[in-house]
């Protein structure tokens, strides 16, 4: 579902609104909200039609190592899906682990929402540095998977679906989604400033370097 969820679109909208692109930001914000609402409506309708199986607690053999393994699986899967060059996979994993590690570290000192800001601020300059290496891919190639890892698309979908289904905790989830989205957007802006100049991104609007098209095939 990550390729269908509008978390990236909503976060781009926040970035554009924060940088003065009011028209495009508002349009993307409305489009992302409508897509999220339609997806949640479909999920609620399907659940009402066929029911939702009970969720039982599961013991994971890997324990606390499981999320770190999952990051690698996610990175390889995105690389295959987006047809990235084999030589780019290692660099993509580096940026992913920087984003996730910084988010975990930020969660130690802050709450879950602000940890997304720390992750975004850490991985953005790393993506710029990777692009300057001789064998490194363009900044977009390593940036987008880490960006998708941080955006709260699934969280927002759960919240909207909960509200439509009559749940009482859905609104709190939606508020957390909005706060996380703003944190990711602010973290990206901080990371671009920390990178020294946003050379790879400076001449492009946010929509051009954060869309979900295969970058290396452009």
N, C-alpha and C. Protein backbone atom coordinates (compact mmCIF):
# COMPACT_ATOMS: atom_id res chain seq x y z
N UNK A 1 0.80 -1.23 0.00
CA UNK A 1 0.00 0.00 0.00
C UNK A 1 0.83 1.27 0.00
N UNK A 2 2.12 1.15 0.27
CA UNK A 2 2.92 2.37 0.44
C UNK A 2 2.95 3.20 -0.84
N UNK A 3 2.83 2.54 -2.01
CA UNK A 3 2.85 3.29 -3.27
C UNK A 3 1.51 3.97 -3.53
N UNK A 4 0.46 3.60 -2.80
CA UNK A 4 -0.86 4.20 -2.98
C UNK A 4 -1.16 5.26 -1.94
N UNK A 5 -0.56 5.12 -0.76
CA UNK A 5 -0.84 6.08 0.31
C UNK A 5 -0.28 7.46 -0.02
N UNK A 6 -1.00 8.53 0.31
CA UNK A 6 -0.58 9.88 -0.06
C UNK A 6 0.29 10.57 0.98
N UNK A 7 1.01 9.82 1.80
CA UNK A 7 1.84 10.46 2.80
C UNK A 7 2.87 11.38 2.20
N UNK A 8 3.53 10.93 1.13
CA UNK A 8 4.51 11.77 0.46
C UNK A 8 3.88 13.01 -0.14
N UNK A 9 2.72 12.84 -0.75
CA UNK A 9 2.03 13.97 -1.36
C UNK A 9 1.65 15.02 -0.31
N UNK A 10 1.16 14.56 0.84
CA UNK A 10 0.77 15.49 1.90
C UNK A 10 1.98 16.20 2.48
N UNK A 11 3.09 15.47 2.63
CA UNK A 11 4.29 16.10 3.18
C UNK A 11 4.86 17.11 2.21
N UNK A 12 4.85 16.80 0.91
CA UNK A 12 5.29 17.76 -0.09
C UNK A 12 4.42 19.02 -0.02
N UNK A 13 3.12 18.83 0.18
CA UNK A 13 2.22 19.98 0.28
C UNK A 13 2.62 20.88 1.45
N UNK A 14 2.97 20.28 2.57
CA UNK A 14 3.38 21.07 3.73
C UNK A 14 4.67 21.84 3.42
N UNK A 15 5.62 21.17 2.74
CA UNK A 15 6.88 21.82 2.38
C UNK A 15 6.62 23.01 1.46
N UNK A 16 5.75 22.83 0.48
CA UNK A 16 5.45 23.91 -0.45
C UNK A 16 4.74 25.07 0.25
N UNK A 17 3.83 24.75 1.15
CA UNK A 17 3.16 25.81 1.90
C UNK A 17 4.15 26.57 2.78
N UNK A 18 5.11 25.82 3.37
CA UNK A 18 6.09 26.46 4.25
C UNK A 18 7.08 27.33 3.47
N UNK A 19 7.29 27.03 2.18
CA UNK A 19 8.24 27.79 1.37
C UNK A 19 7.55 28.82 0.48
N UNK A 20 6.26 29.06 0.71
CA UNK A 20 5.57 30.13 0.01
C UNK A 20 4.85 29.73 -1.26
N UNK A 21 4.86 28.44 -1.63
CA UNK A 21 4.14 28.00 -2.83
C UNK A 21 2.70 27.66 -2.42
N UNK A 22 1.89 28.70 -2.24
CA UNK A 22 0.57 28.53 -1.65
C UNK A 22 -0.37 27.75 -2.56
N UNK A 23 -0.39 28.09 -3.84
CA UNK A 23 -1.36 27.48 -4.75
C UNK A 23 -1.07 25.99 -4.93
N UNK A 24 0.18 25.66 -5.27
CA UNK A 24 0.52 24.25 -5.49
C UNK A 24 0.43 23.47 -4.19
N UNK A 25 0.85 24.08 -3.08
CA UNK A 25 0.77 23.38 -1.80
C UNK A 25 -0.65 23.07 -1.40
N UNK A 26 -1.55 24.06 -1.55
CA UNK A 26 -2.95 23.84 -1.19
C UNK A 26 -3.59 22.79 -2.10
N UNK A 27 -3.22 22.81 -3.39
CA UNK A 27 -3.79 21.83 -4.32
C UNK A 27 -3.34 20.41 -3.96
N UNK A 28 -2.06 20.26 -3.65
CA UNK A 28 -1.56 18.94 -3.27
C UNK A 28 -2.15 18.48 -1.94
N UNK A 29 -2.34 19.41 -1.02
CA UNK A 29 -2.93 19.06 0.27
C UNK A 29 -4.35 18.55 0.08
N UNK A 30 -5.12 19.22 -0.78
CA UNK A 30 -6.50 18.78 -1.04
C UNK A 30 -6.52 17.44 -1.76
N UNK A 31 -5.62 17.27 -2.74
CA UNK A 31 -5.58 16.01 -3.48
C UNK A 31 -5.18 14.85 -2.58
N UNK A 32 -4.20 15.08 -1.71
CA UNK A 32 -3.77 14.02 -0.80
C UNK A 32 -4.85 13.65 0.19
N UNK A 33 -5.55 14.65 0.71
CA UNK A 33 -6.62 14.39 1.67
C UNK A 33 -7.76 13.59 1.03
N UNK A 34 -8.11 13.95 -0.20
CA UNK A 34 -9.19 13.22 -0.89
C UNK A 34 -8.76 11.78 -1.17
N UNK A 35 -7.50 11.56 -1.60
CA UNK A 35 -7.04 10.21 -1.86
C UNK A 35 -7.05 9.37 -0.58
N UNK A 36 -6.63 9.98 0.51
CA UNK A 36 -6.64 9.28 1.80
C UNK A 36 -8.06 8.92 2.20
N UNK A 37 -9.00 9.84 1.99
CA UNK A 37 -10.39 9.59 2.33
C UNK A 37 -10.98 8.47 1.48
N UNK A 38 -10.66 8.45 0.18
CA UNK A 38 -11.18 7.41 -0.70
C UNK A 38 -10.62 6.04 -0.34
N UNK A 39 -9.31 5.98 -0.05
CA UNK A 39 -8.73 4.71 0.36
C UNK A 39 -9.35 4.20 1.65
N UNK A 40 -9.51 5.09 2.62
CA UNK A 40 -10.11 4.68 3.89
C UNK A 40 -11.55 4.23 3.70
N UNK A 41 -12.30 4.93 2.83
CA UNK A 41 -13.68 4.53 2.58
C UNK A 41 -13.75 3.14 1.96
N UNK A 42 -12.86 2.86 1.04
CA UNK A 42 -12.82 1.53 0.44
C UNK A 42 -12.50 0.45 1.45
N UNK A 43 -11.57 0.73 2.35
CA UNK A 43 -11.21 -0.25 3.37
C UNK A 43 -12.37 -0.50 4.32
N UNK A 44 -13.04 0.58 4.75
CA UNK A 44 -14.19 0.43 5.65
C UNK A 44 -15.31 -0.35 4.97
N UNK A 45 -15.57 -0.05 3.67
CA UNK A 45 -16.62 -0.76 2.95
C UNK A 45 -16.29 -2.25 2.81
N UNK A 46 -15.03 -2.56 2.49
CA UNK A 46 -14.64 -3.96 2.37
C UNK A 46 -14.73 -4.68 3.71
N UNK A 47 -14.33 -3.99 4.78
CA UNK A 47 -14.41 -4.60 6.11
C UNK A 47 -15.86 -4.87 6.50
N UNK A 48 -16.76 -3.95 6.14
CA UNK A 48 -18.17 -4.17 6.45
C UNK A 48 -18.75 -5.31 5.63
N UNK A 49 -18.21 -5.54 4.44
CA UNK A 49 -18.74 -6.57 3.55
C UNK A 49 -18.27 -7.96 3.94
N UNK A 50 -16.98 -8.11 4.24
CA UNK A 50 -16.43 -9.44 4.49
C UNK A 50 -15.94 -9.62 5.91
N UNK A 51 -15.93 -8.56 6.71
CA UNK A 51 -15.49 -8.67 8.09
C UNK A 51 -13.98 -8.51 8.22
N UNK A 52 -13.52 -8.31 9.43
CA UNK A 52 -12.11 -8.14 9.72
C UNK A 52 -11.67 -9.25 10.67
N UNK A 53 -10.64 -10.02 10.31
CA UNK A 53 -10.21 -11.10 11.21
C UNK A 53 -9.62 -10.55 12.50
N UNK A 54 -9.75 -11.32 13.56
CA UNK A 54 -9.20 -10.91 14.85
C UNK A 54 -7.68 -10.90 14.80
N UNK A 55 -7.07 -9.93 15.47
CA UNK A 55 -5.62 -9.80 15.52
C UNK A 55 -5.12 -10.44 16.81
N UNK A 56 -4.25 -11.40 16.67
CA UNK A 56 -3.69 -12.07 17.84
C UNK A 56 -2.22 -11.71 17.99
N UNK A 57 -1.76 -11.70 19.22
CA UNK A 57 -0.36 -11.37 19.49
C UNK A 57 0.55 -12.43 18.90
N UNK A 58 1.64 -11.99 18.30
CA UNK A 58 2.58 -12.89 17.65
C UNK A 58 3.97 -12.66 18.22
N UNK A 59 4.66 -13.76 18.50
CA UNK A 59 6.03 -13.66 18.99
C UNK A 59 6.97 -13.67 17.80
N UNK A 60 7.79 -12.64 17.69
CA UNK A 60 8.72 -12.53 16.58
C UNK A 60 10.09 -13.06 17.02
N UNK A 61 10.59 -14.09 16.35
CA UNK A 61 11.87 -14.69 16.77
C UNK A 61 13.03 -13.71 16.75
N UNK A 62 13.01 -12.72 15.86
CA UNK A 62 14.13 -11.79 15.76
C UNK A 62 14.13 -10.75 16.87
N UNK A 63 13.02 -10.57 17.53
CA UNK A 63 12.96 -9.62 18.63
C UNK A 63 13.24 -8.19 18.18
N UNK A 64 14.06 -7.44 18.93
CA UNK A 64 14.33 -6.03 18.59
C UNK A 64 15.13 -5.86 17.31
N UNK A 65 15.69 -6.94 16.78
CA UNK A 65 16.46 -6.84 15.53
C UNK A 65 15.53 -6.75 14.32
N UNK A 66 14.29 -7.18 14.50
CA UNK A 66 13.36 -7.27 13.37
C UNK A 66 13.20 -5.96 12.60
N UNK A 67 13.01 -4.79 13.26
CA UNK A 67 12.86 -3.55 12.49
C UNK A 67 14.08 -3.22 11.63
N UNK A 68 15.29 -3.53 12.13
CA UNK A 68 16.50 -3.23 11.36
C UNK A 68 16.61 -4.14 10.14
N UNK A 69 16.17 -5.38 10.29
CA UNK A 69 16.12 -6.28 9.12
C UNK A 69 15.07 -5.81 8.14
N UNK A 70 13.94 -5.34 8.68
CA UNK A 70 12.85 -4.88 7.82
C UNK A 70 13.26 -3.67 6.98
N UNK A 71 14.11 -2.81 7.52
CA UNK A 71 14.59 -1.66 6.76
C UNK A 71 15.36 -2.13 5.52
N UNK A 72 16.20 -3.15 5.69
CA UNK A 72 16.96 -3.69 4.56
C UNK A 72 16.03 -4.32 3.53
N UNK A 73 15.03 -5.08 4.02
CA UNK A 73 14.07 -5.70 3.09
C UNK A 73 13.30 -4.63 2.33
N UNK A 74 12.91 -3.58 3.04
CA UNK A 74 12.20 -2.47 2.40
C UNK A 74 13.07 -1.81 1.33
N UNK A 75 14.34 -1.56 1.67
CA UNK A 75 15.24 -0.90 0.72
C UNK A 75 15.46 -1.72 -0.53
N UNK A 76 15.69 -3.02 -0.37
CA UNK A 76 15.90 -3.88 -1.53
C UNK A 76 14.62 -3.97 -2.35
N UNK A 77 13.48 -4.08 -1.67
CA UNK A 77 12.21 -4.17 -2.39
C UNK A 77 11.92 -2.92 -3.20
N UNK A 78 12.15 -1.74 -2.61
CA UNK A 78 11.94 -0.49 -3.34
C UNK A 78 12.90 -0.38 -4.52
N UNK A 79 14.14 -0.83 -4.32
CA UNK A 79 15.13 -0.76 -5.41
C UNK A 79 14.71 -1.63 -6.59
N UNK A 80 14.18 -2.80 -6.29
CA UNK A 80 13.71 -3.69 -7.36
C UNK A 80 12.48 -3.10 -8.03
N UNK A 81 11.55 -2.61 -7.21
CA UNK A 81 10.30 -2.08 -7.75
C UNK A 81 10.54 -0.85 -8.62
N UNK A 82 11.46 0.01 -8.20
CA UNK A 82 11.73 1.24 -8.94
C UNK A 82 12.84 1.08 -9.96
N UNK A 83 13.34 -0.16 -10.14
CA UNK A 83 14.36 -0.46 -11.17
C UNK A 83 15.63 0.37 -10.97
N UNK A 84 16.07 0.47 -9.72
CA UNK A 84 17.33 1.16 -9.45
C UNK A 84 18.50 0.31 -9.91
N UNK A 85 19.62 0.95 -10.23
CA UNK A 85 20.81 0.19 -10.62
C UNK A 85 21.31 -0.64 -9.44
N UNK A 86 21.85 -1.82 -9.71
CA UNK A 86 22.38 -2.65 -8.61
C UNK A 86 23.43 -1.92 -7.77
N UNK A 87 24.23 -1.08 -8.41
CA UNK A 87 25.26 -0.35 -7.67
C UNK A 87 24.67 0.70 -6.73
N UNK A 88 23.39 1.02 -6.89
CA UNK A 88 22.76 2.05 -6.05
C UNK A 88 22.16 1.47 -4.79
N UNK A 89 21.99 0.15 -4.73
CA UNK A 89 21.28 -0.47 -3.61
C UNK A 89 22.01 -0.20 -2.29
N UNK A 90 23.34 -0.35 -2.29
CA UNK A 90 24.10 -0.11 -1.06
C UNK A 90 23.95 1.30 -0.56
N UNK A 91 24.01 2.27 -1.46
CA UNK A 91 23.85 3.67 -1.06
C UNK A 91 22.44 3.94 -0.54
N UNK A 92 21.45 3.34 -1.17
CA UNK A 92 20.06 3.49 -0.71
C UNK A 92 19.91 2.96 0.70
N UNK A 93 20.54 1.81 0.98
CA UNK A 93 20.45 1.22 2.32
C UNK A 93 21.14 2.11 3.36
N UNK A 94 22.24 2.74 2.97
CA UNK A 94 22.94 3.63 3.90
C UNK A 94 22.03 4.78 4.32
N UNK A 95 21.38 5.41 3.36
CA UNK A 95 20.50 6.54 3.67
C UNK A 95 19.30 6.05 4.48
N UNK A 96 18.78 4.88 4.15
CA UNK A 96 17.66 4.33 4.91
C UNK A 96 18.02 4.10 6.37
N UNK A 97 19.20 3.52 6.60
CA UNK A 97 19.60 3.23 7.97
C UNK A 97 19.92 4.51 8.73
N UNK A 98 20.44 5.52 8.05
CA UNK A 98 20.66 6.81 8.71
C UNK A 98 19.32 7.40 9.13
N UNK A 99 18.33 7.34 8.24
CA UNK A 99 17.02 7.89 8.56
C UNK A 99 16.38 7.14 9.73
N UNK A 100 16.41 5.80 9.66
CA UNK A 100 15.77 5.02 10.71
C UNK A 100 16.54 5.13 12.03
N UNK A 101 17.87 5.06 11.95
CA UNK A 101 18.67 5.17 13.17
C UNK A 101 18.49 6.51 13.85
N UNK A 102 18.45 7.59 13.05
CA UNK A 102 18.23 8.92 13.63
C UNK A 102 16.84 9.03 14.22
N UNK A 103 15.86 8.39 13.58
CA UNK A 103 14.51 8.42 14.12
C UNK A 103 14.44 7.67 15.46
N UNK A 104 15.10 6.52 15.54
CA UNK A 104 15.13 5.76 16.80
C UNK A 104 15.84 6.57 17.89
N UNK A 105 16.95 7.20 17.53
CA UNK A 105 17.68 8.02 18.49
C UNK A 105 16.85 9.22 18.94
N UNK A 106 16.15 9.83 17.99
CA UNK A 106 15.30 10.96 18.33
C UNK A 106 14.16 10.57 19.24
N UNK A 107 13.68 9.33 19.09
CA UNK A 107 12.60 8.86 19.94
C UNK A 107 13.04 8.69 21.39
N UNK A 108 14.35 8.52 21.60
CA UNK A 108 14.87 8.40 22.96
C UNK A 108 14.77 9.73 23.70
N UNK A 109 15.02 10.82 22.98
CA UNK A 109 15.03 12.15 23.60
C UNK A 109 13.72 12.91 23.41
N UNK A 110 12.99 12.59 22.35
CA UNK A 110 11.73 13.27 22.07
C UNK A 110 10.63 12.22 21.95
N UNK A 111 9.42 12.67 21.58
CA UNK A 111 8.35 11.71 21.36
C UNK A 111 8.39 11.20 19.93
N UNK A 112 7.42 10.37 19.58
CA UNK A 112 7.42 9.75 18.26
C UNK A 112 7.28 10.73 17.12
N UNK A 113 6.56 11.85 17.35
CA UNK A 113 6.34 12.83 16.28
C UNK A 113 7.63 13.57 15.95
N UNK A 114 8.33 14.06 16.97
CA UNK A 114 9.56 14.80 16.72
C UNK A 114 10.70 13.90 16.25
N UNK A 115 10.60 12.61 16.51
CA UNK A 115 11.64 11.71 16.03
C UNK A 115 11.66 11.66 14.50
N UNK A 116 10.50 11.87 13.87
CA UNK A 116 10.46 11.92 12.41
C UNK A 116 11.24 13.12 11.89
N UNK A 117 11.18 14.24 12.63
CA UNK A 117 11.95 15.43 12.25
C UNK A 117 13.44 15.13 12.30
N UNK A 118 13.88 14.44 13.34
CA UNK A 118 15.30 14.10 13.48
C UNK A 118 15.73 13.18 12.34
N UNK A 119 14.89 12.19 12.01
CA UNK A 119 15.24 11.28 10.92
C UNK A 119 15.34 11.98 9.58
N UNK A 120 14.39 12.87 9.29
CA UNK A 120 14.41 13.59 8.02
C UNK A 120 15.59 14.55 7.94
N UNK A 121 15.90 15.23 9.06
CA UNK A 121 17.02 16.18 9.07
C UNK A 121 18.35 15.46 8.91
N UNK A 122 18.45 14.22 9.38
CA UNK A 122 19.71 13.48 9.28
C UNK A 122 19.92 12.88 7.90
N UNK A 123 18.86 12.35 7.31
CA UNK A 123 19.06 11.62 6.05
C UNK A 123 19.16 12.52 4.83
N UNK A 124 18.62 13.74 4.89
CA UNK A 124 18.65 14.62 3.72
C UNK A 124 20.07 15.02 3.33
N UNK A 125 20.91 15.54 4.25
CA UNK A 125 22.30 15.85 3.84
C UNK A 125 23.10 14.62 3.46
N UNK A 126 22.77 13.46 4.07
CA UNK A 126 23.48 12.23 3.69
C UNK A 126 23.19 11.89 2.23
N UNK A 127 21.95 12.06 1.80
CA UNK A 127 21.61 11.80 0.41
C UNK A 127 22.37 12.73 -0.53
N UNK A 128 22.57 13.99 -0.11
CA UNK A 128 23.33 14.93 -0.92
C UNK A 128 24.79 14.51 -1.00
N UNK A 129 25.36 14.08 0.14
CA UNK A 129 26.76 13.64 0.17
C UNK A 129 26.95 12.39 -0.68
N UNK A 130 26.01 11.46 -0.60
CA UNK A 130 26.09 10.23 -1.40
C UNK A 130 26.13 10.56 -2.88
N UNK A 131 25.33 11.55 -3.30
CA UNK A 131 25.29 11.92 -4.72
C UNK A 131 26.61 12.48 -5.21
N UNK A 132 27.46 12.97 -4.30
CA UNK A 132 28.75 13.55 -4.70
C UNK A 132 29.85 12.50 -4.78
N UNK A 133 29.54 11.26 -4.39
CA UNK A 133 30.54 10.20 -4.48
C UNK A 133 30.63 9.70 -5.92
N UNK A 134 31.78 9.16 -6.27
CA UNK A 134 31.99 8.73 -7.65
C UNK A 134 31.00 7.66 -8.07
N UNK A 135 30.72 6.71 -7.19
CA UNK A 135 29.78 5.62 -7.52
C UNK A 135 28.40 5.85 -6.94
N UNK A 136 28.18 7.01 -6.36
CA UNK A 136 26.88 7.29 -5.74
C UNK A 136 25.81 7.63 -6.76
N UNK A 137 24.57 7.25 -6.47
CA UNK A 137 23.46 7.58 -7.38
C UNK A 137 23.05 9.04 -7.19
N UNK A 138 22.21 9.57 -8.06
CA UNK A 138 21.67 10.91 -7.85
C UNK A 138 20.97 11.02 -6.50
N UNK A 139 20.93 12.21 -5.98
CA UNK A 139 20.38 12.40 -4.63
C UNK A 139 18.95 11.89 -4.51
N UNK A 140 18.17 12.05 -5.56
CA UNK A 140 16.78 11.61 -5.51
C UNK A 140 16.67 10.11 -5.31
N UNK A 141 17.58 9.37 -5.89
CA UNK A 141 17.50 7.91 -5.86
C UNK A 141 17.64 7.39 -4.44
N UNK A 142 18.56 7.95 -3.67
CA UNK A 142 18.73 7.50 -2.29
C UNK A 142 17.80 8.23 -1.33
N UNK A 143 17.32 9.40 -1.74
CA UNK A 143 16.46 10.19 -0.85
C UNK A 143 15.04 9.64 -0.77
N UNK A 144 14.47 9.27 -1.91
CA UNK A 144 13.06 8.90 -1.94
C UNK A 144 12.71 7.70 -1.06
N UNK A 145 13.48 6.58 -1.09
CA UNK A 145 13.12 5.46 -0.21
C UNK A 145 13.11 5.85 1.26
N UNK A 146 14.10 6.64 1.70
CA UNK A 146 14.12 7.07 3.10
C UNK A 146 12.96 8.02 3.39
N UNK A 147 12.61 8.82 2.43
CA UNK A 147 11.47 9.72 2.59
C UNK A 147 10.19 8.92 2.77
N UNK A 148 10.01 7.89 1.93
CA UNK A 148 8.83 7.04 2.06
C UNK A 148 8.82 6.29 3.39
N UNK A 149 10.00 5.97 3.91
CA UNK A 149 10.08 5.27 5.19
C UNK A 149 9.56 6.13 6.34
N UNK A 150 9.69 7.44 6.21
CA UNK A 150 9.31 8.34 7.30
C UNK A 150 7.90 8.89 7.18
N UNK A 151 7.37 9.00 5.95
CA UNK A 151 6.07 9.64 5.79
C UNK A 151 4.98 8.82 6.47
N UNK A 152 4.00 9.49 7.09
CA UNK A 152 3.00 8.78 7.90
C UNK A 152 1.75 8.40 7.13
N UNK A 153 1.90 7.85 5.94
CA UNK A 153 0.72 7.51 5.15
C UNK A 153 -0.15 6.44 5.79
N UNK A 154 0.47 5.37 6.27
CA UNK A 154 -0.29 4.29 6.88
C UNK A 154 -1.00 4.75 8.14
N UNK A 155 -0.32 5.58 8.93
CA UNK A 155 -0.92 6.09 10.17
C UNK A 155 -2.17 6.91 9.88
N UNK A 156 -2.09 7.76 8.87
CA UNK A 156 -3.25 8.56 8.51
C UNK A 156 -4.40 7.72 7.99
N UNK A 157 -4.07 6.69 7.21
CA UNK A 157 -5.11 5.80 6.68
C UNK A 157 -5.82 5.08 7.82
N UNK A 158 -5.07 4.61 8.81
CA UNK A 158 -5.68 3.94 9.96
C UNK A 158 -6.61 4.90 10.71
N UNK A 159 -6.16 6.15 10.88
CA UNK A 159 -6.97 7.12 11.59
C UNK A 159 -8.28 7.43 10.88
N UNK A 160 -8.21 7.68 9.56
CA UNK A 160 -9.42 8.00 8.81
C UNK A 160 -10.36 6.80 8.79
N UNK A 161 -9.81 5.60 8.60
CA UNK A 161 -10.63 4.40 8.60
C UNK A 161 -11.30 4.19 9.95
N UNK A 162 -10.58 4.51 11.02
CA UNK A 162 -11.15 4.38 12.36
C UNK A 162 -12.30 5.35 12.58
N UNK A 163 -12.13 6.58 12.09
CA UNK A 163 -13.20 7.58 12.23
C UNK A 163 -14.43 7.16 11.42
N UNK A 164 -14.23 6.71 10.20
CA UNK A 164 -15.35 6.28 9.36
C UNK A 164 -16.05 5.05 9.94
N UNK A 165 -15.27 4.21 10.64
CA UNK A 165 -15.84 3.02 11.23
C UNK A 165 -16.45 3.25 12.60
N UNK A 166 -16.44 4.50 13.07
CA UNK A 166 -17.04 4.81 14.36
C UNK A 166 -16.10 4.67 15.54
N UNK A 167 -14.80 4.52 15.31
CA UNK A 167 -13.85 4.39 16.41
C UNK A 167 -13.62 5.71 17.12
N UNK A 168 -13.33 5.63 18.40
CA UNK A 168 -13.15 6.85 19.21
C UNK A 168 -11.71 7.37 19.18
N UNK A 169 -10.77 6.51 18.80
CA UNK A 169 -9.35 6.90 18.82
C UNK A 169 -8.86 7.40 17.46
N UNK A 170 -9.73 7.41 16.47
CA UNK A 170 -9.30 7.79 15.13
C UNK A 170 -8.84 9.23 15.03
N UNK A 171 -9.51 10.15 15.73
CA UNK A 171 -9.14 11.55 15.64
C UNK A 171 -7.76 11.80 16.22
N UNK A 172 -7.43 11.12 17.30
CA UNK A 172 -6.09 11.25 17.87
C UNK A 172 -5.03 10.78 16.89
N UNK A 173 -5.34 9.71 16.16
CA UNK A 173 -4.40 9.20 15.16
C UNK A 173 -4.22 10.18 14.02
N UNK A 174 -5.32 10.81 13.59
CA UNK A 174 -5.24 11.79 12.51
C UNK A 174 -4.41 12.99 12.94
N UNK A 175 -4.59 13.45 14.18
CA UNK A 175 -3.81 14.56 14.68
C UNK A 175 -2.32 14.20 14.73
N UNK A 176 -2.02 12.98 15.16
CA UNK A 176 -0.63 12.53 15.18
C UNK A 176 -0.05 12.47 13.78
N UNK A 177 -0.88 12.07 12.81
CA UNK A 177 -0.43 12.02 11.42
C UNK A 177 -0.06 13.41 10.91
N UNK A 178 -0.92 14.39 11.19
CA UNK A 178 -0.66 15.76 10.75
C UNK A 178 0.62 16.30 11.39
N UNK A 179 0.79 16.05 12.68
CA UNK A 179 1.99 16.52 13.37
C UNK A 179 3.24 15.85 12.81
N UNK A 180 3.16 14.55 12.53
CA UNK A 180 4.30 13.84 11.97
C UNK A 180 4.62 14.35 10.57
N UNK A 181 3.60 14.62 9.78
CA UNK A 181 3.79 15.15 8.43
C UNK A 181 4.53 16.48 8.46
N UNK A 182 4.11 17.36 9.38
CA UNK A 182 4.78 18.65 9.52
C UNK A 182 6.22 18.46 9.98
N UNK A 183 6.45 17.51 10.88
CA UNK A 183 7.79 17.25 11.39
C UNK A 183 8.71 16.76 10.28
N UNK A 184 8.22 15.86 9.43
CA UNK A 184 9.03 15.37 8.31
C UNK A 184 9.36 16.51 7.36
N UNK A 185 8.37 17.33 7.04
CA UNK A 185 8.60 18.45 6.13
C UNK A 185 9.64 19.42 6.71
N UNK A 186 9.50 19.74 7.99
CA UNK A 186 10.46 20.64 8.62
C UNK A 186 11.85 20.01 8.68
N UNK A 187 11.90 18.70 8.95
CA UNK A 187 13.18 18.00 8.98
C UNK A 187 13.90 18.03 7.64
N UNK A 188 13.14 17.87 6.55
CA UNK A 188 13.73 17.93 5.21
C UNK A 188 14.29 19.32 4.95
N UNK A 189 13.53 20.36 5.33
CA UNK A 189 14.02 21.73 5.13
C UNK A 189 15.28 21.99 5.95
N UNK A 190 15.32 21.51 7.19
CA UNK A 190 16.51 21.66 8.02
C UNK A 190 17.68 20.90 7.42
N UNK A 191 17.41 19.70 6.91
CA UNK A 191 18.47 18.91 6.29
C UNK A 191 19.05 19.56 5.05
N UNK A 192 18.20 20.19 4.26
CA UNK A 192 18.67 20.87 3.05
C UNK A 192 19.56 22.06 3.41
N UNK A 193 19.19 22.77 4.47
CA UNK A 193 20.02 23.88 4.92
C UNK A 193 21.34 23.35 5.47
N UNK A 194 21.29 22.25 6.23
CA UNK A 194 22.50 21.69 6.82
C UNK A 194 23.45 21.14 5.76
N UNK A 195 22.91 20.74 4.60
CA UNK A 195 23.76 20.20 3.54
C UNK A 195 24.60 21.28 2.90
N UNK A 196 24.32 22.55 3.22
CA UNK A 196 25.15 23.61 2.73
C UNK A 196 24.58 24.29 1.57
N UNK A 197 23.67 23.82 0.93
CA UNK A 197 23.12 24.51 -0.18
C UNK A 197 22.24 23.65 -1.01
N UNK A 198 21.88 22.75 -0.85
CA UNK A 198 20.90 22.07 -1.66
C UNK A 198 21.22 22.07 -3.12
N UNK A 199 22.46 21.77 -3.43
CA UNK A 199 22.88 21.85 -4.85
C UNK A 199 22.03 20.95 -5.74
N UNK A 200 21.74 19.77 -5.29
CA UNK A 200 20.98 18.87 -6.14
C UNK A 200 19.52 19.21 -6.21
N UNK A 201 19.04 20.06 -5.29
CA UNK A 201 17.61 20.33 -5.23
C UNK A 201 17.26 21.79 -5.47
N UNK A 202 18.25 22.68 -5.40
CA UNK A 202 17.97 24.10 -5.31
C UNK A 202 17.13 24.61 -6.46
N UNK A 203 17.39 24.15 -7.67
CA UNK A 203 16.71 24.69 -8.84
C UNK A 203 15.42 23.96 -9.16
N UNK A 204 14.97 23.05 -8.30
CA UNK A 204 13.76 22.29 -8.56
C UNK A 204 12.77 22.49 -7.43
N UNK A 205 11.49 22.65 -7.76
CA UNK A 205 10.49 22.70 -6.70
C UNK A 205 10.35 21.35 -6.04
N UNK A 206 9.71 21.33 -4.86
CA UNK A 206 9.60 20.09 -4.10
C UNK A 206 8.94 18.99 -4.91
N UNK A 207 7.98 19.34 -5.73
CA UNK A 207 7.26 18.31 -6.48
C UNK A 207 8.17 17.57 -7.45
N UNK A 208 9.24 18.21 -7.93
CA UNK A 208 10.11 17.58 -8.92
C UNK A 208 11.08 16.59 -8.29
N UNK A 209 11.45 16.78 -7.02
CA UNK A 209 12.41 15.86 -6.44
C UNK A 209 11.84 15.00 -5.32
N UNK A 210 10.51 14.99 -5.19
CA UNK A 210 9.88 14.11 -4.21
C UNK A 210 8.72 13.34 -4.78
N UNK A 211 8.57 13.31 -6.11
CA UNK A 211 7.46 12.55 -6.65
C UNK A 211 7.78 11.07 -6.62
N UNK A 212 6.80 10.25 -7.01
CA UNK A 212 6.97 8.81 -6.87
C UNK A 212 7.22 8.12 -8.21
N UNK A 213 7.84 8.82 -9.15
CA UNK A 213 8.20 8.20 -10.41
C UNK A 213 9.61 7.65 -10.34
N UNK A 214 9.93 6.59 -11.10
CA UNK A 214 11.28 6.05 -11.06
C UNK A 214 12.29 7.07 -11.54
N UNK A 215 13.11 7.56 -10.65
CA UNK A 215 14.01 8.67 -10.96
C UNK A 215 15.04 8.30 -11.99
N UNK A 216 15.63 7.11 -11.88
CA UNK A 216 16.72 6.76 -12.76
C UNK A 216 16.26 6.49 -14.19
N UNK A 217 14.93 6.39 -14.38
CA UNK A 217 14.44 6.15 -15.72
C UNK A 217 14.00 7.42 -16.41
N UNK A 218 14.18 8.57 -15.75
CA UNK A 218 13.77 9.84 -16.38
C UNK A 218 14.72 10.21 -17.50
